[in-house]
Amino acid sequence: MGKRQDHELMAIRLYADGMEIPEISQKSKEEGWYVSENTLRKWRDRAGTEWQDARKAARASTLVNMEDVGSRIRRSREIASQIMGDAKDQSALGLVLIQTLQTMLFDLMGQINTVSVDPDELGGLTKMVTNLTLALGRTEQSMSRNQQNAAEIRKQTTEKAAEIAGDTAKQAGVSAETIAIIRRDILRMAE
C-alpha cells in the first residue's frame, strides 16, 4: 500500500475510535503523517459508508466487551455470594478461595493457549499467572496453618475438659477407674 492508503486507514481507525475530523488532522500532524481536515472530509465523503461502518463496528465491539465485563462482574458477585453464604468458618472460606484462584488460573491459561497473544502483552500475562500462583500457594499454606491451629485448639480444649471432668468426678467421690473411663471417652471425642 502507498502512503495515502496507509494514512487513510489510520484516519479511519481513529474515526472508528470516536475521533472527529479536526482531532484526526491534529493527531496526524503530531505523529508526522499530516493530513488536512479538507482532505479527511473528502476521503470520508468519497468512501460512502466505510467510515460510518467502521465507527458502528467499533461501537458494536465495545458493546460486546461491555457485556463481557458485565458478565464477569455478575460471576464475581455470584462467587462472593457463595463464599459468604457457604463459608461458615475459615477453612470453608479458604477452600472456596483456593477453588476460585484455581479457576481463575485455569481460565487465564486457557485464554493464553487459545488466543493469539501479542508479545508486548505476554509479560503482563506472565506476571498475572505468577501472581495468581503465588496467591494460590499462600492461600493453601494459610489454610493448612488454620487447620493445624484449629486441630491443636480442639485437642487442648478436649484435654482441659477431660481434666476438669476428672477433677469434678473425684470431688464427687467417683472411683478412679470410672474417672479414667470418663477421661478416655472425652479424649476420644477429639479424635
N, C-alpha and C. Protein backbone atom coordinates (compact mmCIF):
# COMPACT_ATOMS: atom_id res chain seq x y z
N MET A 1 0.84 -1.19 0.00
CA MET A 1 0.00 0.00 0.00
C MET A 1 0.88 1.24 0.00
N GLY A 2 0.35 2.30 -0.62
CA GLY A 2 1.07 3.56 -0.64
C GLY A 2 0.81 4.35 0.62
N LYS A 3 1.51 5.48 0.71
CA LYS A 3 1.35 6.31 1.90
C LYS A 3 -0.08 6.80 2.07
N ARG A 4 -0.71 7.20 0.95
CA ARG A 4 -2.06 7.73 1.03
C ARG A 4 -3.01 6.70 1.62
N GLN A 5 -2.93 5.46 1.14
CA GLN A 5 -3.82 4.42 1.64
C GLN A 5 -3.54 4.13 3.12
N ASP A 6 -2.27 4.12 3.48
CA ASP A 6 -1.91 3.90 4.89
C ASP A 6 -2.48 5.00 5.76
N HIS A 7 -2.33 6.24 5.31
CA HIS A 7 -2.83 7.37 6.09
C HIS A 7 -4.35 7.33 6.18
N GLU A 8 -4.99 6.95 5.09
CA GLU A 8 -6.45 6.87 5.11
C GLU A 8 -6.91 5.78 6.08
N LEU A 9 -6.24 4.65 6.09
CA LEU A 9 -6.60 3.58 7.02
C LEU A 9 -6.40 4.02 8.47
N MET A 10 -5.31 4.74 8.73
CA MET A 10 -5.08 5.24 10.09
C MET A 10 -6.18 6.22 10.47
N ALA A 11 -6.57 7.08 9.52
CA ALA A 11 -7.63 8.05 9.79
C ALA A 11 -8.96 7.33 10.06
N ILE A 12 -9.26 6.29 9.30
CA ILE A 12 -10.50 5.53 9.51
C ILE A 12 -10.49 4.88 10.89
N ARG A 13 -9.35 4.33 11.30
CA ARG A 13 -9.25 3.71 12.63
C ARG A 13 -9.51 4.73 13.73
N LEU A 14 -8.92 5.92 13.57
CA LEU A 14 -9.13 6.97 14.57
C LEU A 14 -10.59 7.41 14.59
N TYR A 15 -11.19 7.51 13.41
CA TYR A 15 -12.60 7.89 13.32
C TYR A 15 -13.47 6.82 13.99
N ALA A 16 -13.13 5.56 13.76
CA ALA A 16 -13.87 4.46 14.37
C ALA A 16 -13.76 4.51 15.89
N ASP A 17 -12.60 4.98 16.38
CA ASP A 17 -12.40 5.08 17.83
C ASP A 17 -13.11 6.27 18.44
N GLY A 18 -13.80 7.07 17.61
CA GLY A 18 -14.61 8.17 18.14
C GLY A 18 -14.04 9.55 17.91
N MET A 19 -12.89 9.66 17.27
CA MET A 19 -12.31 10.98 17.00
C MET A 19 -13.06 11.63 15.84
N GLU A 20 -13.13 12.94 15.87
CA GLU A 20 -13.74 13.69 14.78
C GLU A 20 -12.63 14.21 13.86
N ILE A 21 -13.03 14.71 12.70
CA ILE A 21 -12.09 15.14 11.66
C ILE A 21 -11.02 16.11 12.19
N PRO A 22 -11.38 17.20 12.91
CA PRO A 22 -10.33 18.11 13.38
C PRO A 22 -9.32 17.42 14.31
N GLU A 23 -9.81 16.52 15.15
CA GLU A 23 -8.91 15.80 16.06
C GLU A 23 -7.97 14.86 15.29
N ILE A 24 -8.52 14.22 14.27
CA ILE A 24 -7.71 13.30 13.46
C ILE A 24 -6.61 14.09 12.74
N SER A 25 -6.97 15.25 12.20
CA SER A 25 -5.99 16.08 11.50
C SER A 25 -4.88 16.50 12.46
N GLN A 26 -5.26 16.93 13.65
CA GLN A 26 -4.27 17.35 14.65
C GLN A 26 -3.36 16.18 15.04
N LYS A 27 -3.95 15.02 15.28
CA LYS A 27 -3.16 13.84 15.66
C LYS A 27 -2.21 13.44 14.53
N SER A 28 -2.70 13.51 13.30
CA SER A 28 -1.83 13.15 12.17
C SER A 28 -0.63 14.09 12.09
N LYS A 29 -0.89 15.35 12.40
CA LYS A 29 0.20 16.34 12.39
C LYS A 29 1.21 16.02 13.49
N GLU A 30 0.70 15.69 14.69
CA GLU A 30 1.58 15.38 15.82
C GLU A 30 2.41 14.13 15.57
N GLU A 31 1.84 13.18 14.84
CA GLU A 31 2.52 11.90 14.62
C GLU A 31 3.35 11.88 13.34
N GLY A 32 3.37 12.98 12.62
CA GLY A 32 4.24 13.08 11.45
C GLY A 32 3.67 12.54 10.15
N TRP A 33 2.38 12.36 10.05
CA TRP A 33 1.76 11.93 8.79
C TRP A 33 0.59 12.87 8.47
N TYR A 34 0.84 14.15 8.52
CA TYR A 34 -0.19 15.18 8.44
C TYR A 34 -1.12 15.03 7.25
N VAL A 35 -2.42 15.12 7.58
CA VAL A 35 -3.47 15.16 6.57
C VAL A 35 -4.41 16.29 6.98
N SER A 36 -4.72 17.18 6.05
CA SER A 36 -5.57 18.33 6.37
C SER A 36 -7.01 17.90 6.61
N GLU A 37 -7.76 18.78 7.28
CA GLU A 37 -9.18 18.49 7.55
C GLU A 37 -9.95 18.34 6.24
N ASN A 38 -9.66 19.20 5.26
CA ASN A 38 -10.37 19.12 3.97
C ASN A 38 -10.13 17.78 3.29
N THR A 39 -8.89 17.32 3.31
CA THR A 39 -8.58 16.03 2.69
C THR A 39 -9.30 14.91 3.42
N LEU A 40 -9.31 14.97 4.73
CA LEU A 40 -10.01 13.94 5.51
C LEU A 40 -11.50 13.92 5.18
N ARG A 41 -12.11 15.11 5.05
CA ARG A 41 -13.55 15.18 4.70
C ARG A 41 -13.79 14.59 3.31
N LYS A 42 -12.90 14.89 2.37
CA LYS A 42 -13.03 14.33 1.02
C LYS A 42 -12.95 12.81 1.06
N TRP A 43 -11.98 12.29 1.81
CA TRP A 43 -11.85 10.83 1.92
C TRP A 43 -13.11 10.22 2.51
N ARG A 44 -13.62 10.86 3.56
CA ARG A 44 -14.82 10.33 4.22
C ARG A 44 -16.01 10.35 3.27
N ASP A 45 -16.21 11.47 2.57
CA ASP A 45 -17.37 11.60 1.67
C ASP A 45 -17.24 10.67 0.47
N ARG A 46 -16.03 10.53 -0.07
CA ARG A 46 -15.80 9.67 -1.22
C ARG A 46 -16.02 8.20 -0.86
N ALA A 47 -15.72 7.82 0.35
CA ALA A 47 -15.76 6.40 0.75
C ALA A 47 -17.18 5.88 0.95
N GLY A 48 -18.16 6.74 0.87
CA GLY A 48 -19.53 6.28 1.09
C GLY A 48 -19.76 6.00 2.57
N THR A 49 -20.10 4.77 2.90
CA THR A 49 -20.42 4.44 4.29
C THR A 49 -19.25 3.79 5.04
N GLU A 50 -18.11 3.67 4.40
CA GLU A 50 -16.98 2.95 5.01
C GLU A 50 -16.59 3.53 6.37
N TRP A 51 -16.50 4.85 6.46
CA TRP A 51 -16.10 5.46 7.73
C TRP A 51 -17.16 5.23 8.81
N GLN A 52 -18.44 5.43 8.44
CA GLN A 52 -19.52 5.21 9.41
C GLN A 52 -19.61 3.74 9.81
N ASP A 53 -19.41 2.86 8.84
CA ASP A 53 -19.44 1.42 9.14
C ASP A 53 -18.34 1.04 10.12
N ALA A 54 -17.17 1.64 9.93
CA ALA A 54 -16.05 1.36 10.85
C ALA A 54 -16.39 1.82 12.26
N ARG A 55 -17.03 2.99 12.36
CA ARG A 55 -17.41 3.51 13.68
C ARG A 55 -18.47 2.62 14.32
N LYS A 56 -19.46 2.19 13.52
CA LYS A 56 -20.51 1.29 14.05
C LYS A 56 -19.91 -0.03 14.52
N ALA A 57 -18.98 -0.57 13.75
CA ALA A 57 -18.35 -1.84 14.13
C ALA A 57 -17.56 -1.67 15.43
N ALA A 58 -16.88 -0.55 15.58
CA ALA A 58 -16.11 -0.31 16.81
C ALA A 58 -17.05 -0.19 18.00
N ARG A 59 -18.19 0.49 17.81
CA ARG A 59 -19.16 0.61 18.90
C ARG A 59 -19.75 -0.74 19.25
N ALA A 60 -20.05 -1.55 18.24
CA ALA A 60 -20.59 -2.89 18.50
C ALA A 60 -19.57 -3.73 19.27
N SER A 61 -18.31 -3.61 18.89
CA SER A 61 -17.25 -4.34 19.60
C SER A 61 -17.16 -3.87 21.04
N THR A 62 -17.26 -2.56 21.24
CA THR A 62 -17.24 -2.01 22.59
C THR A 62 -18.41 -2.54 23.40
N LEU A 63 -19.59 -2.61 22.77
CA LEU A 63 -20.77 -3.12 23.45
C LEU A 63 -20.57 -4.57 23.86
N VAL A 64 -20.00 -5.38 22.96
CA VAL A 64 -19.72 -6.78 23.29
C VAL A 64 -18.75 -6.86 24.46
N ASN A 65 -17.71 -6.01 24.43
CA ASN A 65 -16.75 -6.00 25.53
C ASN A 65 -17.41 -5.60 26.84
N MET A 66 -18.32 -4.62 26.78
CA MET A 66 -19.03 -4.19 27.98
C MET A 66 -19.92 -5.30 28.51
N GLU A 67 -20.58 -6.04 27.61
CA GLU A 67 -21.40 -7.16 28.03
C GLU A 67 -20.54 -8.24 28.67
N ASP A 68 -19.35 -8.45 28.13
CA ASP A 68 -18.42 -9.43 28.72
C ASP A 68 -18.00 -8.99 30.12
N VAL A 69 -17.70 -7.71 30.27
CA VAL A 69 -17.33 -7.19 31.59
C VAL A 69 -18.50 -7.35 32.56
N GLY A 70 -19.71 -7.04 32.09
CA GLY A 70 -20.90 -7.21 32.92
C GLY A 70 -21.08 -8.66 33.35
N SER A 71 -20.85 -9.57 32.44
CA SER A 71 -20.94 -10.99 32.74
C SER A 71 -19.92 -11.39 33.80
N ARG A 72 -18.71 -10.88 33.68
CA ARG A 72 -17.67 -11.19 34.66
C ARG A 72 -18.02 -10.62 36.04
N ILE A 73 -18.59 -9.42 36.05
CA ILE A 73 -18.99 -8.81 37.32
C ILE A 73 -20.09 -9.65 37.97
N ARG A 74 -21.08 -10.08 37.17
CA ARG A 74 -22.13 -10.95 37.72
C ARG A 74 -21.54 -12.23 38.28
N ARG A 75 -20.59 -12.80 37.55
CA ARG A 75 -19.94 -14.04 38.01
C ARG A 75 -19.20 -13.80 39.32
N SER A 76 -18.50 -12.67 39.42
CA SER A 76 -17.79 -12.34 40.66
C SER A 76 -18.75 -12.19 41.82
N ARG A 77 -19.89 -11.55 41.56
CA ARG A 77 -20.89 -11.39 42.62
C ARG A 77 -21.45 -12.73 43.07
N GLU A 78 -21.68 -13.62 42.10
CA GLU A 78 -22.17 -14.96 42.45
C GLU A 78 -21.14 -15.70 43.30
N ILE A 79 -19.88 -15.59 42.93
CA ILE A 79 -18.82 -16.25 43.70
C ILE A 79 -18.76 -15.65 45.11
N ALA A 80 -18.82 -14.32 45.20
CA ALA A 80 -18.79 -13.67 46.51
C ALA A 80 -19.98 -14.12 47.35
N SER A 81 -21.14 -14.23 46.72
CA SER A 81 -22.33 -14.69 47.44
C SER A 81 -22.14 -16.12 47.94
N GLN A 82 -21.56 -16.97 47.10
CA GLN A 82 -21.30 -18.35 47.51
C GLN A 82 -20.30 -18.39 48.66
N ILE A 83 -19.29 -17.56 48.57
CA ILE A 83 -18.28 -17.54 49.63
C ILE A 83 -18.93 -17.15 50.95
N MET A 84 -19.68 -16.09 50.94
CA MET A 84 -20.28 -15.60 52.18
C MET A 84 -21.41 -16.51 52.66
N GLY A 85 -22.13 -17.11 51.71
CA GLY A 85 -23.26 -17.95 52.09
C GLY A 85 -22.84 -19.32 52.56
N ASP A 86 -21.86 -19.92 51.91
CA ASP A 86 -21.49 -21.30 52.21
C ASP A 86 -20.36 -21.41 53.24
N ALA A 87 -19.56 -20.40 53.34
CA ALA A 87 -18.39 -20.49 54.21
C ALA A 87 -18.75 -20.06 55.63
N LYS A 88 -18.99 -21.03 56.48
CA LYS A 88 -19.35 -20.73 57.86
C LYS A 88 -18.11 -20.57 58.74
N ASP A 89 -16.99 -21.10 58.31
CA ASP A 89 -15.76 -20.95 59.07
C ASP A 89 -14.60 -20.66 58.12
N GLN A 90 -13.45 -20.41 58.70
CA GLN A 90 -12.29 -20.03 57.89
C GLN A 90 -11.84 -21.13 56.95
N SER A 91 -11.93 -22.37 57.36
CA SER A 91 -11.44 -23.44 56.49
C SER A 91 -12.32 -23.56 55.25
N ALA A 92 -13.64 -23.38 55.41
CA ALA A 92 -14.53 -23.42 54.24
C ALA A 92 -14.26 -22.22 53.34
N LEU A 93 -14.04 -21.07 53.94
CA LEU A 93 -13.72 -19.87 53.16
C LEU A 93 -12.41 -20.05 52.40
N GLY A 94 -11.41 -20.61 53.06
CA GLY A 94 -10.13 -20.87 52.41
C GLY A 94 -10.27 -21.81 51.24
N LEU A 95 -11.08 -22.85 51.40
CA LEU A 95 -11.29 -23.81 50.33
C LEU A 95 -11.95 -23.15 49.12
N VAL A 96 -12.95 -22.31 49.38
CA VAL A 96 -13.63 -21.60 48.29
C VAL A 96 -12.65 -20.66 47.59
N LEU A 97 -11.82 -19.96 48.36
CA LEU A 97 -10.83 -19.06 47.75
C LEU A 97 -9.83 -19.83 46.90
N ILE A 98 -9.39 -20.97 47.38
CA ILE A 98 -8.45 -21.79 46.61
C ILE A 98 -9.10 -22.24 45.31
N GLN A 99 -10.34 -22.70 45.39
CA GLN A 99 -11.03 -23.14 44.18
C GLN A 99 -11.22 -21.99 43.20
N THR A 100 -11.53 -20.80 43.72
CA THR A 100 -11.70 -19.63 42.87
C THR A 100 -10.38 -19.26 42.19
N LEU A 101 -9.29 -19.25 42.94
CA LEU A 101 -7.99 -18.93 42.36
C LEU A 101 -7.58 -19.97 41.32
N GLN A 102 -7.86 -21.24 41.59
CA GLN A 102 -7.54 -22.28 40.61
C GLN A 102 -8.33 -22.07 39.33
N THR A 103 -9.62 -21.73 39.47
CA THR A 103 -10.46 -21.48 38.30
C THR A 103 -9.92 -20.30 37.49
N MET A 104 -9.55 -19.22 38.19
CA MET A 104 -9.00 -18.06 37.50
C MET A 104 -7.71 -18.41 36.77
N LEU A 105 -6.88 -19.20 37.42
CA LEU A 105 -5.61 -19.59 36.81
C LEU A 105 -5.84 -20.45 35.57
N PHE A 106 -6.76 -21.41 35.66
CA PHE A 106 -7.05 -22.26 34.51
C PHE A 106 -7.67 -21.44 33.38
N ASP A 107 -8.58 -20.50 33.72
CA ASP A 107 -9.19 -19.64 32.70
C ASP A 107 -8.11 -18.83 31.98
N LEU A 108 -7.22 -18.25 32.75
CA LEU A 108 -6.16 -17.42 32.17
C LEU A 108 -5.25 -18.26 31.28
N MET A 109 -4.87 -19.44 31.75
CA MET A 109 -4.01 -20.31 30.94
C MET A 109 -4.74 -20.73 29.66
N GLY A 110 -6.04 -20.99 29.77
CA GLY A 110 -6.82 -21.35 28.58
C GLY A 110 -6.86 -20.22 27.57
N GLN A 111 -7.01 -18.99 28.07
CA GLN A 111 -7.03 -17.84 27.17
C GLN A 111 -5.68 -17.67 26.49
N ILE A 112 -4.62 -17.87 27.24
CA ILE A 112 -3.28 -17.74 26.65
C ILE A 112 -3.09 -18.78 25.55
N ASN A 113 -3.59 -19.99 25.78
CA ASN A 113 -3.41 -21.07 24.81
C ASN A 113 -4.30 -20.93 23.58
N THR A 114 -5.50 -20.33 23.74
CA THR A 114 -6.44 -20.29 22.62
C THR A 114 -6.43 -18.98 21.86
N VAL A 115 -5.92 -17.93 22.46
CA VAL A 115 -5.92 -16.62 21.82
C VAL A 115 -4.50 -16.28 21.42
N SER A 116 -4.36 -15.72 20.24
CA SER A 116 -3.02 -15.29 19.84
C SER A 116 -2.65 -14.10 20.71
N VAL A 117 -1.55 -14.22 21.41
CA VAL A 117 -1.15 -13.22 22.38
C VAL A 117 -0.11 -12.31 21.76
N ASP A 118 -0.34 -11.01 21.91
CA ASP A 118 0.61 -10.01 21.46
C ASP A 118 1.87 -10.13 22.32
N PRO A 119 3.03 -10.21 21.72
CA PRO A 119 4.27 -10.36 22.51
C PRO A 119 4.44 -9.26 23.56
N ASP A 120 3.91 -8.06 23.28
CA ASP A 120 4.01 -6.98 24.25
C ASP A 120 3.17 -7.26 25.49
N GLU A 121 2.08 -8.01 25.33
CA GLU A 121 1.20 -8.32 26.45
C GLU A 121 1.64 -9.58 27.19
N LEU A 122 2.52 -10.36 26.61
CA LEU A 122 2.93 -11.63 27.21
C LEU A 122 3.57 -11.42 28.58
N GLY A 123 4.36 -10.37 28.72
CA GLY A 123 4.99 -10.09 30.02
C GLY A 123 3.96 -9.83 31.09
N GLY A 124 2.92 -9.07 30.76
CA GLY A 124 1.86 -8.79 31.72
C GLY A 124 1.08 -10.05 32.09
N LEU A 125 0.81 -10.89 31.09
CA LEU A 125 0.10 -12.14 31.36
C LEU A 125 0.95 -13.07 32.21
N THR A 126 2.24 -13.12 31.93
CA THR A 126 3.14 -13.95 32.73
C THR A 126 3.15 -13.48 34.18
N LYS A 127 3.19 -12.17 34.36
CA LYS A 127 3.17 -11.62 35.72
C LYS A 127 1.85 -11.96 36.41
N MET A 128 0.73 -11.89 35.67
CA MET A 128 -0.56 -12.22 36.23
C MET A 128 -0.61 -13.69 36.67
N VAL A 129 -0.11 -14.58 35.83
CA VAL A 129 -0.07 -16.01 36.18
C VAL A 129 0.80 -16.22 37.41
N THR A 130 1.95 -15.55 37.45
CA THR A 130 2.85 -15.68 38.60
C THR A 130 2.16 -15.20 39.87
N ASN A 131 1.49 -14.06 39.80
CA ASN A 131 0.80 -13.52 40.98
C ASN A 131 -0.33 -14.44 41.44
N LEU A 132 -1.09 -14.97 40.49
CA LEU A 132 -2.16 -15.90 40.85
C LEU A 132 -1.59 -17.16 41.50
N THR A 133 -0.50 -17.66 40.95
CA THR A 133 0.13 -18.86 41.51
C THR A 133 0.63 -18.60 42.92
N LEU A 134 1.26 -17.44 43.13
CA LEU A 134 1.73 -17.08 44.47
C LEU A 134 0.55 -16.95 45.44
N ALA A 135 -0.51 -16.30 45.00
CA ALA A 135 -1.69 -16.14 45.85
C ALA A 135 -2.28 -17.50 46.20
N LEU A 136 -2.33 -18.39 45.23
CA LEU A 136 -2.86 -19.73 45.47
C LEU A 136 -2.00 -20.46 46.49
N GLY A 137 -0.69 -20.42 46.32
CA GLY A 137 0.21 -21.09 47.27
C GLY A 137 0.09 -20.52 48.67
N ARG A 138 0.02 -19.21 48.78
CA ARG A 138 -0.10 -18.58 50.10
C ARG A 138 -1.44 -18.91 50.75
N THR A 139 -2.49 -18.94 49.95
CA THR A 139 -3.81 -19.29 50.48
C THR A 139 -3.82 -20.72 50.98
N GLU A 140 -3.21 -21.62 50.22
CA GLU A 140 -3.14 -23.02 50.64
C GLU A 140 -2.33 -23.16 51.93
N GLN A 141 -1.19 -22.46 52.04
CA GLN A 141 -0.39 -22.51 53.26
C GLN A 141 -1.17 -21.97 54.45
N SER A 142 -1.85 -20.86 54.23
CA SER A 142 -2.65 -20.26 55.29
C SER A 142 -3.76 -21.20 55.74
N MET A 143 -4.41 -21.83 54.78
CA MET A 143 -5.48 -22.76 55.11
C MET A 143 -4.93 -23.95 55.90
N SER A 144 -3.77 -24.45 55.51
CA SER A 144 -3.15 -25.57 56.22
C SER A 144 -2.81 -25.17 57.65
N ARG A 145 -2.23 -23.97 57.83
CA ARG A 145 -1.92 -23.48 59.18
C ARG A 145 -3.19 -23.33 60.01
N ASN A 146 -4.25 -22.79 59.39
CA ASN A 146 -5.51 -22.63 60.11
C ASN A 146 -6.06 -23.98 60.56
N GLN A 147 -5.99 -24.98 59.69
CA GLN A 147 -6.48 -26.30 60.05
C GLN A 147 -5.65 -26.90 61.18
N GLN A 148 -4.32 -26.74 61.12
CA GLN A 148 -3.46 -27.24 62.19
C GLN A 148 -3.76 -26.53 63.51
N ASN A 149 -3.94 -25.21 63.44
CA ASN A 149 -4.26 -24.45 64.65
C ASN A 149 -5.60 -24.88 65.23
N ALA A 150 -6.59 -25.07 64.36
CA ALA A 150 -7.91 -25.49 64.83
C ALA A 150 -7.84 -26.86 65.48
N ALA A 151 -7.07 -27.78 64.90
CA ALA A 151 -6.92 -29.12 65.47
C ALA A 151 -6.23 -29.04 66.83
N GLU A 152 -5.20 -28.22 66.94
CA GLU A 152 -4.49 -28.06 68.21
C GLU A 152 -5.40 -27.46 69.27
N ILE A 153 -6.20 -26.48 68.90
CA ILE A 153 -7.13 -25.86 69.85
C ILE A 153 -8.16 -26.88 70.31
N ARG A 154 -8.70 -27.68 69.37
CA ARG A 154 -9.66 -28.72 69.76
C ARG A 154 -9.03 -29.71 70.73
N LYS A 155 -7.79 -30.11 70.43
CA LYS A 155 -7.09 -31.07 71.29
C LYS A 155 -6.90 -30.50 72.69
N GLN A 156 -6.42 -29.26 72.78
CA GLN A 156 -6.19 -28.64 74.08
C GLN A 156 -7.50 -28.46 74.85
N THR A 157 -8.55 -28.08 74.14
CA THR A 157 -9.86 -27.90 74.78
C THR A 157 -10.38 -29.23 75.31
N THR A 158 -10.23 -30.27 74.54
CA THR A 158 -10.69 -31.59 74.97
C THR A 158 -9.88 -32.08 76.17
N GLU A 159 -8.56 -31.87 76.13
CA GLU A 159 -7.72 -32.28 77.27
C GLU A 159 -8.12 -31.52 78.53
N LYS A 160 -8.39 -30.24 78.37
CA LYS A 160 -8.81 -29.43 79.52
C LYS A 160 -10.16 -29.91 80.04
N ALA A 161 -11.08 -30.23 79.12
CA ALA A 161 -12.40 -30.73 79.52
C ALA A 161 -12.27 -32.06 80.25
N ALA A 162 -11.39 -32.94 79.78
CA ALA A 162 -11.18 -34.24 80.44
C ALA A 162 -10.61 -34.03 81.84
N GLU A 163 -9.68 -33.09 81.96
CA GLU A 163 -9.08 -32.80 83.26
C GLU A 163 -10.13 -32.26 84.24
N ILE A 164 -10.94 -31.31 83.78
CA ILE A 164 -11.98 -30.73 84.64
C ILE A 164 -13.01 -31.79 85.02
N ALA A 165 -13.43 -32.60 84.06
CA ALA A 165 -14.41 -33.66 84.35
C ALA A 165 -13.84 -34.64 85.37
N GLY A 166 -12.56 -34.99 85.22
CA GLY A 166 -11.92 -35.90 86.18
C GLY A 166 -11.86 -35.31 87.57
N ASP A 167 -11.49 -34.02 87.66
CA ASP A 167 -11.43 -33.35 88.97
C ASP A 167 -12.80 -33.28 89.61
N THR A 168 -13.81 -32.94 88.81
CA THR A 168 -15.17 -32.85 89.33
C THR A 168 -15.65 -34.22 89.81
N ALA A 169 -15.40 -35.25 89.03
CA ALA A 169 -15.82 -36.61 89.41
C ALA A 169 -15.10 -37.05 90.68
N LYS A 170 -13.82 -36.70 90.81
CA LYS A 170 -13.05 -37.07 92.00
C LYS A 170 -13.64 -36.41 93.24
N GLN A 171 -14.02 -35.11 93.11
CA GLN A 171 -14.62 -34.39 94.23
C GLN A 171 -15.96 -35.00 94.61
N ALA A 172 -16.65 -35.57 93.63
CA ALA A 172 -17.95 -36.18 93.89
C ALA A 172 -17.81 -37.60 94.46
N GLY A 173 -16.58 -38.08 94.55
CA GLY A 173 -16.36 -39.39 95.14
C GLY A 173 -16.43 -40.54 94.16
N VAL A 174 -16.30 -40.26 92.89
CA VAL A 174 -16.34 -41.30 91.87
C VAL A 174 -15.02 -42.06 91.93
N SER A 175 -15.09 -43.35 91.66
CA SER A 175 -13.89 -44.20 91.73
C SER A 175 -12.87 -43.79 90.66
N ALA A 176 -11.61 -44.11 90.92
CA ALA A 176 -10.52 -43.78 90.00
C ALA A 176 -10.72 -44.49 88.66
N GLU A 177 -11.24 -45.70 88.72
CA GLU A 177 -11.49 -46.46 87.49
C GLU A 177 -12.53 -45.77 86.62
N THR A 178 -13.60 -45.28 87.21
CA THR A 178 -14.67 -44.59 86.47
C THR A 178 -14.14 -43.26 85.93
N ILE A 179 -13.32 -42.58 86.73
CA ILE A 179 -12.73 -41.31 86.27
C ILE A 179 -11.85 -41.56 85.04
N ALA A 180 -11.08 -42.63 85.04
CA ALA A 180 -10.23 -42.96 83.89
C ALA A 180 -11.08 -43.22 82.65
N ILE A 181 -12.21 -43.91 82.83
CA ILE A 181 -13.11 -44.18 81.70
C ILE A 181 -13.69 -42.87 81.16
N ILE A 182 -14.11 -41.99 82.06
CA ILE A 182 -14.68 -40.69 81.64
C ILE A 182 -13.64 -39.89 80.85
N ARG A 183 -12.41 -39.82 81.38
CA ARG A 183 -11.34 -39.08 80.69
C ARG A 183 -11.06 -39.67 79.32
N ARG A 184 -10.97 -41.01 79.26
CA ARG A 184 -10.70 -41.68 77.99
C ARG A 184 -11.79 -41.36 76.96
N ASP A 185 -13.06 -41.42 77.40
CA ASP A 185 -14.18 -41.16 76.48
C ASP A 185 -14.18 -39.70 75.99
N ILE A 186 -13.85 -38.79 76.88
CA ILE A 186 -13.80 -37.38 76.48
C ILE A 186 -12.66 -37.16 75.48
N LEU A 187 -11.51 -37.75 75.74
CA LEU A 187 -10.36 -37.58 74.84
C LEU A 187 -10.62 -38.21 73.47
N ARG A 188 -11.41 -39.27 73.42
CA ARG A 188 -11.76 -39.89 72.13
C ARG A 188 -12.60 -38.95 71.27
N MET A 189 -13.34 -38.08 71.91
CA MET A 189 -14.19 -37.15 71.16
C MET A 189 -13.36 -36.22 70.28
N ALA A 190 -12.12 -35.99 70.66
CA ALA A 190 -11.26 -35.09 69.89
C ALA A 190 -10.65 -35.76 68.67
N GLU A 191 -10.72 -37.07 68.61
CA GLU A 191 -10.09 -37.81 67.50
C GLU A 191 -10.87 -37.69 66.23
